[in-house]
């Protein structure tokens, strides 16, 4: 089972969180993008851009933070963090 945890933070406090479970036979990359799409839909956000720094952080730690510069729209929180909690 694959699980990805999405969290929205403002002033070092978690505002929202959501865990997406995926038991499909898709590749890891497809599962990550699908889970991120679901999190953005539930949080009513536009899809963030994967900057080079975000990709490098995700490769090293299986965790990434999306700040204002990753979103086209204005966000009312500090960052969105995603983290793989089970593969």
N, C-alpha and C. Protein backbone atom coordinates (compact mmCIF):
# COMPACT_ATOMS: atom_id res chain seq x y z
N UNK A 1 0.84 -1.18 0.00
CA UNK A 1 0.00 0.00 0.00
C UNK A 1 0.88 1.24 0.00
N UNK A 2 0.46 2.23 -0.77
CA UNK A 2 1.16 3.51 -0.86
C UNK A 2 0.30 4.55 -0.15
N UNK A 3 0.92 5.32 0.76
CA UNK A 3 0.20 6.40 1.45
C UNK A 3 1.02 7.68 1.39
N UNK A 4 0.35 8.77 1.03
CA UNK A 4 0.98 10.09 0.98
C UNK A 4 0.20 11.02 1.89
N UNK A 5 0.92 11.76 2.71
CA UNK A 5 0.32 12.67 3.68
C UNK A 5 0.51 14.09 3.20
N UNK A 6 -0.57 14.82 3.05
CA UNK A 6 -0.54 16.22 2.65
C UNK A 6 -0.92 17.10 3.83
N UNK A 7 -0.12 18.17 4.06
CA UNK A 7 -0.37 19.05 5.20
C UNK A 7 -0.23 20.51 4.77
N UNK A 8 -1.10 21.33 5.28
CA UNK A 8 -1.08 22.77 5.02
C UNK A 8 -0.67 23.48 6.30
N UNK A 9 0.35 24.35 6.23
CA UNK A 9 0.87 25.02 7.41
C UNK A 9 0.80 26.54 7.29
N UNK A 10 0.55 27.18 8.43
CA UNK A 10 0.64 28.63 8.54
C UNK A 10 1.14 28.95 9.94
N UNK A 11 2.18 29.78 10.03
CA UNK A 11 2.79 30.17 11.31
C UNK A 11 3.18 28.95 12.15
N UNK A 12 3.79 27.96 11.49
CA UNK A 12 4.25 26.73 12.14
C UNK A 12 3.13 25.91 12.78
N UNK A 13 1.93 26.07 12.31
CA UNK A 13 0.80 25.28 12.80
C UNK A 13 0.13 24.61 11.60
N UNK A 14 -0.25 23.36 11.81
CA UNK A 14 -0.93 22.63 10.75
C UNK A 14 -2.39 23.05 10.71
N UNK A 15 -2.83 23.51 9.55
CA UNK A 15 -4.21 23.93 9.36
C UNK A 15 -5.09 22.77 8.91
N UNK A 16 -4.59 22.00 7.94
CA UNK A 16 -5.34 20.87 7.38
C UNK A 16 -4.36 19.74 7.10
N UNK A 17 -4.88 18.53 7.12
CA UNK A 17 -4.08 17.41 6.66
C UNK A 17 -4.98 16.36 6.06
N UNK A 18 -4.39 15.53 5.22
CA UNK A 18 -5.14 14.50 4.52
C UNK A 18 -4.17 13.39 4.11
N UNK A 19 -4.57 12.16 4.32
CA UNK A 19 -3.77 11.01 3.89
C UNK A 19 -4.47 10.35 2.72
N UNK A 20 -3.72 10.15 1.64
CA UNK A 20 -4.24 9.51 0.44
C UNK A 20 -3.63 8.11 0.36
N UNK A 21 -4.48 7.11 0.24
CA UNK A 21 -4.03 5.72 0.11
C UNK A 21 -4.25 5.28 -1.34
N UNK A 22 -3.28 4.56 -1.87
CA UNK A 22 -3.35 4.11 -3.25
C UNK A 22 -2.85 2.67 -3.32
N UNK A 23 -3.72 1.77 -3.73
CA UNK A 23 -3.35 0.36 -3.84
C UNK A 23 -3.29 -0.08 -5.30
N UNK A 24 -3.23 0.86 -6.22
CA UNK A 24 -3.20 0.51 -7.64
C UNK A 24 -1.83 -0.03 -8.03
N UNK A 25 -1.73 -0.50 -9.26
CA UNK A 25 -0.48 -1.04 -9.77
C UNK A 25 0.30 0.00 -10.57
N UNK A 26 -0.04 1.28 -10.41
CA UNK A 26 0.68 2.36 -11.09
C UNK A 26 2.11 2.46 -10.60
N UNK A 27 2.91 3.22 -11.31
CA UNK A 27 4.28 3.47 -10.87
C UNK A 27 4.26 4.43 -9.68
N UNK A 28 5.38 4.50 -8.98
CA UNK A 28 5.49 5.38 -7.82
C UNK A 28 5.22 6.83 -8.21
N UNK A 29 5.77 7.25 -9.33
CA UNK A 29 5.59 8.63 -9.80
C UNK A 29 4.12 8.93 -10.06
N UNK A 30 3.43 8.02 -10.73
CA UNK A 30 2.01 8.24 -11.00
C UNK A 30 1.21 8.30 -9.72
N UNK A 31 1.56 7.47 -8.75
CA UNK A 31 0.85 7.49 -7.46
C UNK A 31 1.06 8.83 -6.75
N UNK A 32 2.27 9.35 -6.81
CA UNK A 32 2.57 10.64 -6.16
C UNK A 32 1.76 11.75 -6.80
N UNK A 33 1.77 11.82 -8.14
CA UNK A 33 1.04 12.87 -8.84
C UNK A 33 -0.47 12.74 -8.63
N UNK A 34 -0.97 11.52 -8.64
CA UNK A 34 -2.41 11.30 -8.41
C UNK A 34 -2.80 11.73 -6.99
N UNK A 35 -1.98 11.37 -6.01
CA UNK A 35 -2.26 11.75 -4.61
C UNK A 35 -2.20 13.26 -4.44
N UNK A 36 -1.21 13.90 -5.06
CA UNK A 36 -1.10 15.36 -4.97
C UNK A 36 -2.31 16.03 -5.62
N UNK A 37 -2.79 15.50 -6.73
CA UNK A 37 -4.00 16.03 -7.37
C UNK A 37 -5.20 15.92 -6.44
N UNK A 38 -5.34 14.79 -5.75
CA UNK A 38 -6.45 14.61 -4.81
C UNK A 38 -6.36 15.58 -3.63
N UNK A 39 -5.15 15.77 -3.12
CA UNK A 39 -4.95 16.70 -2.00
C UNK A 39 -5.31 18.12 -2.43
N UNK A 40 -4.85 18.52 -3.60
CA UNK A 40 -5.16 19.86 -4.09
C UNK A 40 -6.66 20.03 -4.31
N UNK A 41 -7.33 18.99 -4.78
CA UNK A 41 -8.77 19.07 -4.97
C UNK A 41 -9.48 19.23 -3.64
N UNK A 42 -9.11 18.42 -2.64
CA UNK A 42 -9.74 18.49 -1.32
C UNK A 42 -9.47 19.82 -0.61
N UNK A 43 -8.26 20.38 -0.79
CA UNK A 43 -7.91 21.64 -0.15
C UNK A 43 -8.30 22.85 -1.00
N UNK A 44 -8.90 22.61 -2.17
CA UNK A 44 -9.31 23.67 -3.10
C UNK A 44 -8.12 24.54 -3.51
N UNK A 45 -7.06 23.89 -3.99
CA UNK A 45 -5.84 24.57 -4.42
C UNK A 45 -5.57 24.30 -5.89
N UNK A 46 -4.83 25.22 -6.51
CA UNK A 46 -4.33 24.92 -7.85
C UNK A 46 -3.15 23.96 -7.69
N UNK A 47 -2.83 23.25 -8.74
CA UNK A 47 -1.72 22.29 -8.66
C UNK A 47 -0.40 23.04 -8.62
N UNK A 48 0.48 22.69 -7.68
CA UNK A 48 1.76 23.40 -7.58
C UNK A 48 2.74 22.95 -8.66
N UNK A 49 3.69 23.84 -8.94
CA UNK A 49 4.76 23.52 -9.88
C UNK A 49 5.88 22.83 -9.13
N UNK A 50 6.50 21.85 -9.77
CA UNK A 50 7.64 21.14 -9.18
C UNK A 50 8.90 21.87 -9.59
N UNK A 51 9.44 22.71 -8.72
CA UNK A 51 10.69 23.40 -8.98
C UNK A 51 11.85 22.44 -8.76
N UNK A 52 13.03 22.78 -9.30
CA UNK A 52 14.20 21.91 -9.14
C UNK A 52 14.52 21.66 -7.67
N UNK A 53 14.40 22.68 -6.84
CA UNK A 53 14.69 22.50 -5.41
C UNK A 53 13.68 21.56 -4.75
N UNK A 54 12.44 21.62 -5.19
CA UNK A 54 11.41 20.74 -4.65
C UNK A 54 11.68 19.29 -5.06
N UNK A 55 12.06 19.09 -6.29
CA UNK A 55 12.36 17.73 -6.79
C UNK A 55 13.54 17.15 -6.03
N UNK A 56 14.59 17.94 -5.85
CA UNK A 56 15.78 17.45 -5.12
C UNK A 56 15.45 17.10 -3.68
N UNK A 57 14.66 17.95 -3.03
CA UNK A 57 14.26 17.67 -1.64
C UNK A 57 13.44 16.38 -1.57
N UNK A 58 12.53 16.19 -2.54
CA UNK A 58 11.69 15.00 -2.53
C UNK A 58 12.51 13.74 -2.77
N UNK A 59 13.49 13.81 -3.65
CA UNK A 59 14.34 12.65 -3.92
C UNK A 59 15.13 12.24 -2.69
N UNK A 60 15.61 13.22 -1.93
CA UNK A 60 16.43 12.93 -0.77
C UNK A 60 15.63 12.47 0.44
N UNK A 61 14.48 13.07 0.69
CA UNK A 61 13.77 12.86 1.95
C UNK A 61 12.37 12.28 1.81
N UNK A 62 11.91 12.04 0.60
CA UNK A 62 10.52 11.61 0.34
C UNK A 62 9.53 12.59 0.95
N UNK A 63 9.92 13.86 0.96
CA UNK A 63 9.09 14.93 1.50
C UNK A 63 9.39 16.20 0.69
N UNK A 64 8.35 16.97 0.43
CA UNK A 64 8.54 18.21 -0.32
C UNK A 64 7.62 19.29 0.22
N UNK A 65 8.11 20.51 0.15
CA UNK A 65 7.30 21.67 0.56
C UNK A 65 7.09 22.57 -0.64
N UNK A 66 5.85 22.97 -0.83
CA UNK A 66 5.48 23.86 -1.91
C UNK A 66 5.13 25.22 -1.30
N UNK A 67 5.95 26.23 -1.56
CA UNK A 67 5.74 27.58 -1.06
C UNK A 67 4.99 28.40 -2.12
N UNK A 68 4.77 29.67 -1.83
CA UNK A 68 4.03 30.55 -2.73
C UNK A 68 4.61 30.54 -4.15
N UNK A 69 5.93 30.44 -4.29
CA UNK A 69 6.52 30.48 -5.62
C UNK A 69 6.20 29.24 -6.46
N UNK A 70 5.64 28.21 -5.85
CA UNK A 70 5.23 27.00 -6.59
C UNK A 70 3.79 27.08 -7.07
N UNK A 71 3.04 28.06 -6.59
CA UNK A 71 1.63 28.19 -6.96
C UNK A 71 1.44 29.41 -7.85
N UNK A 72 0.55 29.28 -8.81
CA UNK A 72 0.21 30.42 -9.67
C UNK A 72 -0.74 31.36 -8.93
N UNK A 73 -1.70 30.78 -8.22
CA UNK A 73 -2.66 31.57 -7.45
C UNK A 73 -2.06 31.98 -6.11
N UNK A 74 -2.66 32.99 -5.51
CA UNK A 74 -2.26 33.42 -4.17
C UNK A 74 -2.75 32.39 -3.15
N UNK A 75 -1.89 32.04 -2.19
CA UNK A 75 -2.28 31.09 -1.15
C UNK A 75 -2.37 31.81 0.18
N UNK A 76 -3.25 31.34 1.06
CA UNK A 76 -3.44 31.99 2.36
C UNK A 76 -2.80 31.19 3.49
N UNK A 77 -1.75 30.44 3.17
CA UNK A 77 -0.99 29.68 4.16
C UNK A 77 0.48 29.80 3.78
N UNK A 78 1.38 29.29 4.61
CA UNK A 78 2.81 29.42 4.35
C UNK A 78 3.33 28.40 3.34
N UNK A 79 2.95 27.14 3.51
CA UNK A 79 3.40 26.11 2.57
C UNK A 79 2.53 24.86 2.67
N UNK A 80 2.56 24.08 1.60
CA UNK A 80 1.93 22.78 1.52
C UNK A 80 3.06 21.75 1.54
N UNK A 81 2.96 20.80 2.45
CA UNK A 81 3.98 19.76 2.54
C UNK A 81 3.36 18.42 2.20
N UNK A 82 4.08 17.64 1.38
CA UNK A 82 3.66 16.27 1.14
C UNK A 82 4.78 15.34 1.61
N UNK A 83 4.39 14.17 2.09
CA UNK A 83 5.35 13.22 2.62
C UNK A 83 4.84 11.81 2.38
N UNK A 84 5.72 10.96 1.88
CA UNK A 84 5.37 9.55 1.72
C UNK A 84 5.52 8.89 3.08
N UNK A 85 4.45 8.27 3.57
CA UNK A 85 4.53 7.62 4.88
C UNK A 85 4.53 6.10 4.78
N UNK A 86 4.21 5.58 3.60
CA UNK A 86 4.28 4.12 3.44
C UNK A 86 4.35 3.80 1.96
N UNK A 87 5.24 2.85 1.62
CA UNK A 87 5.34 2.37 0.24
C UNK A 87 5.19 0.88 0.22
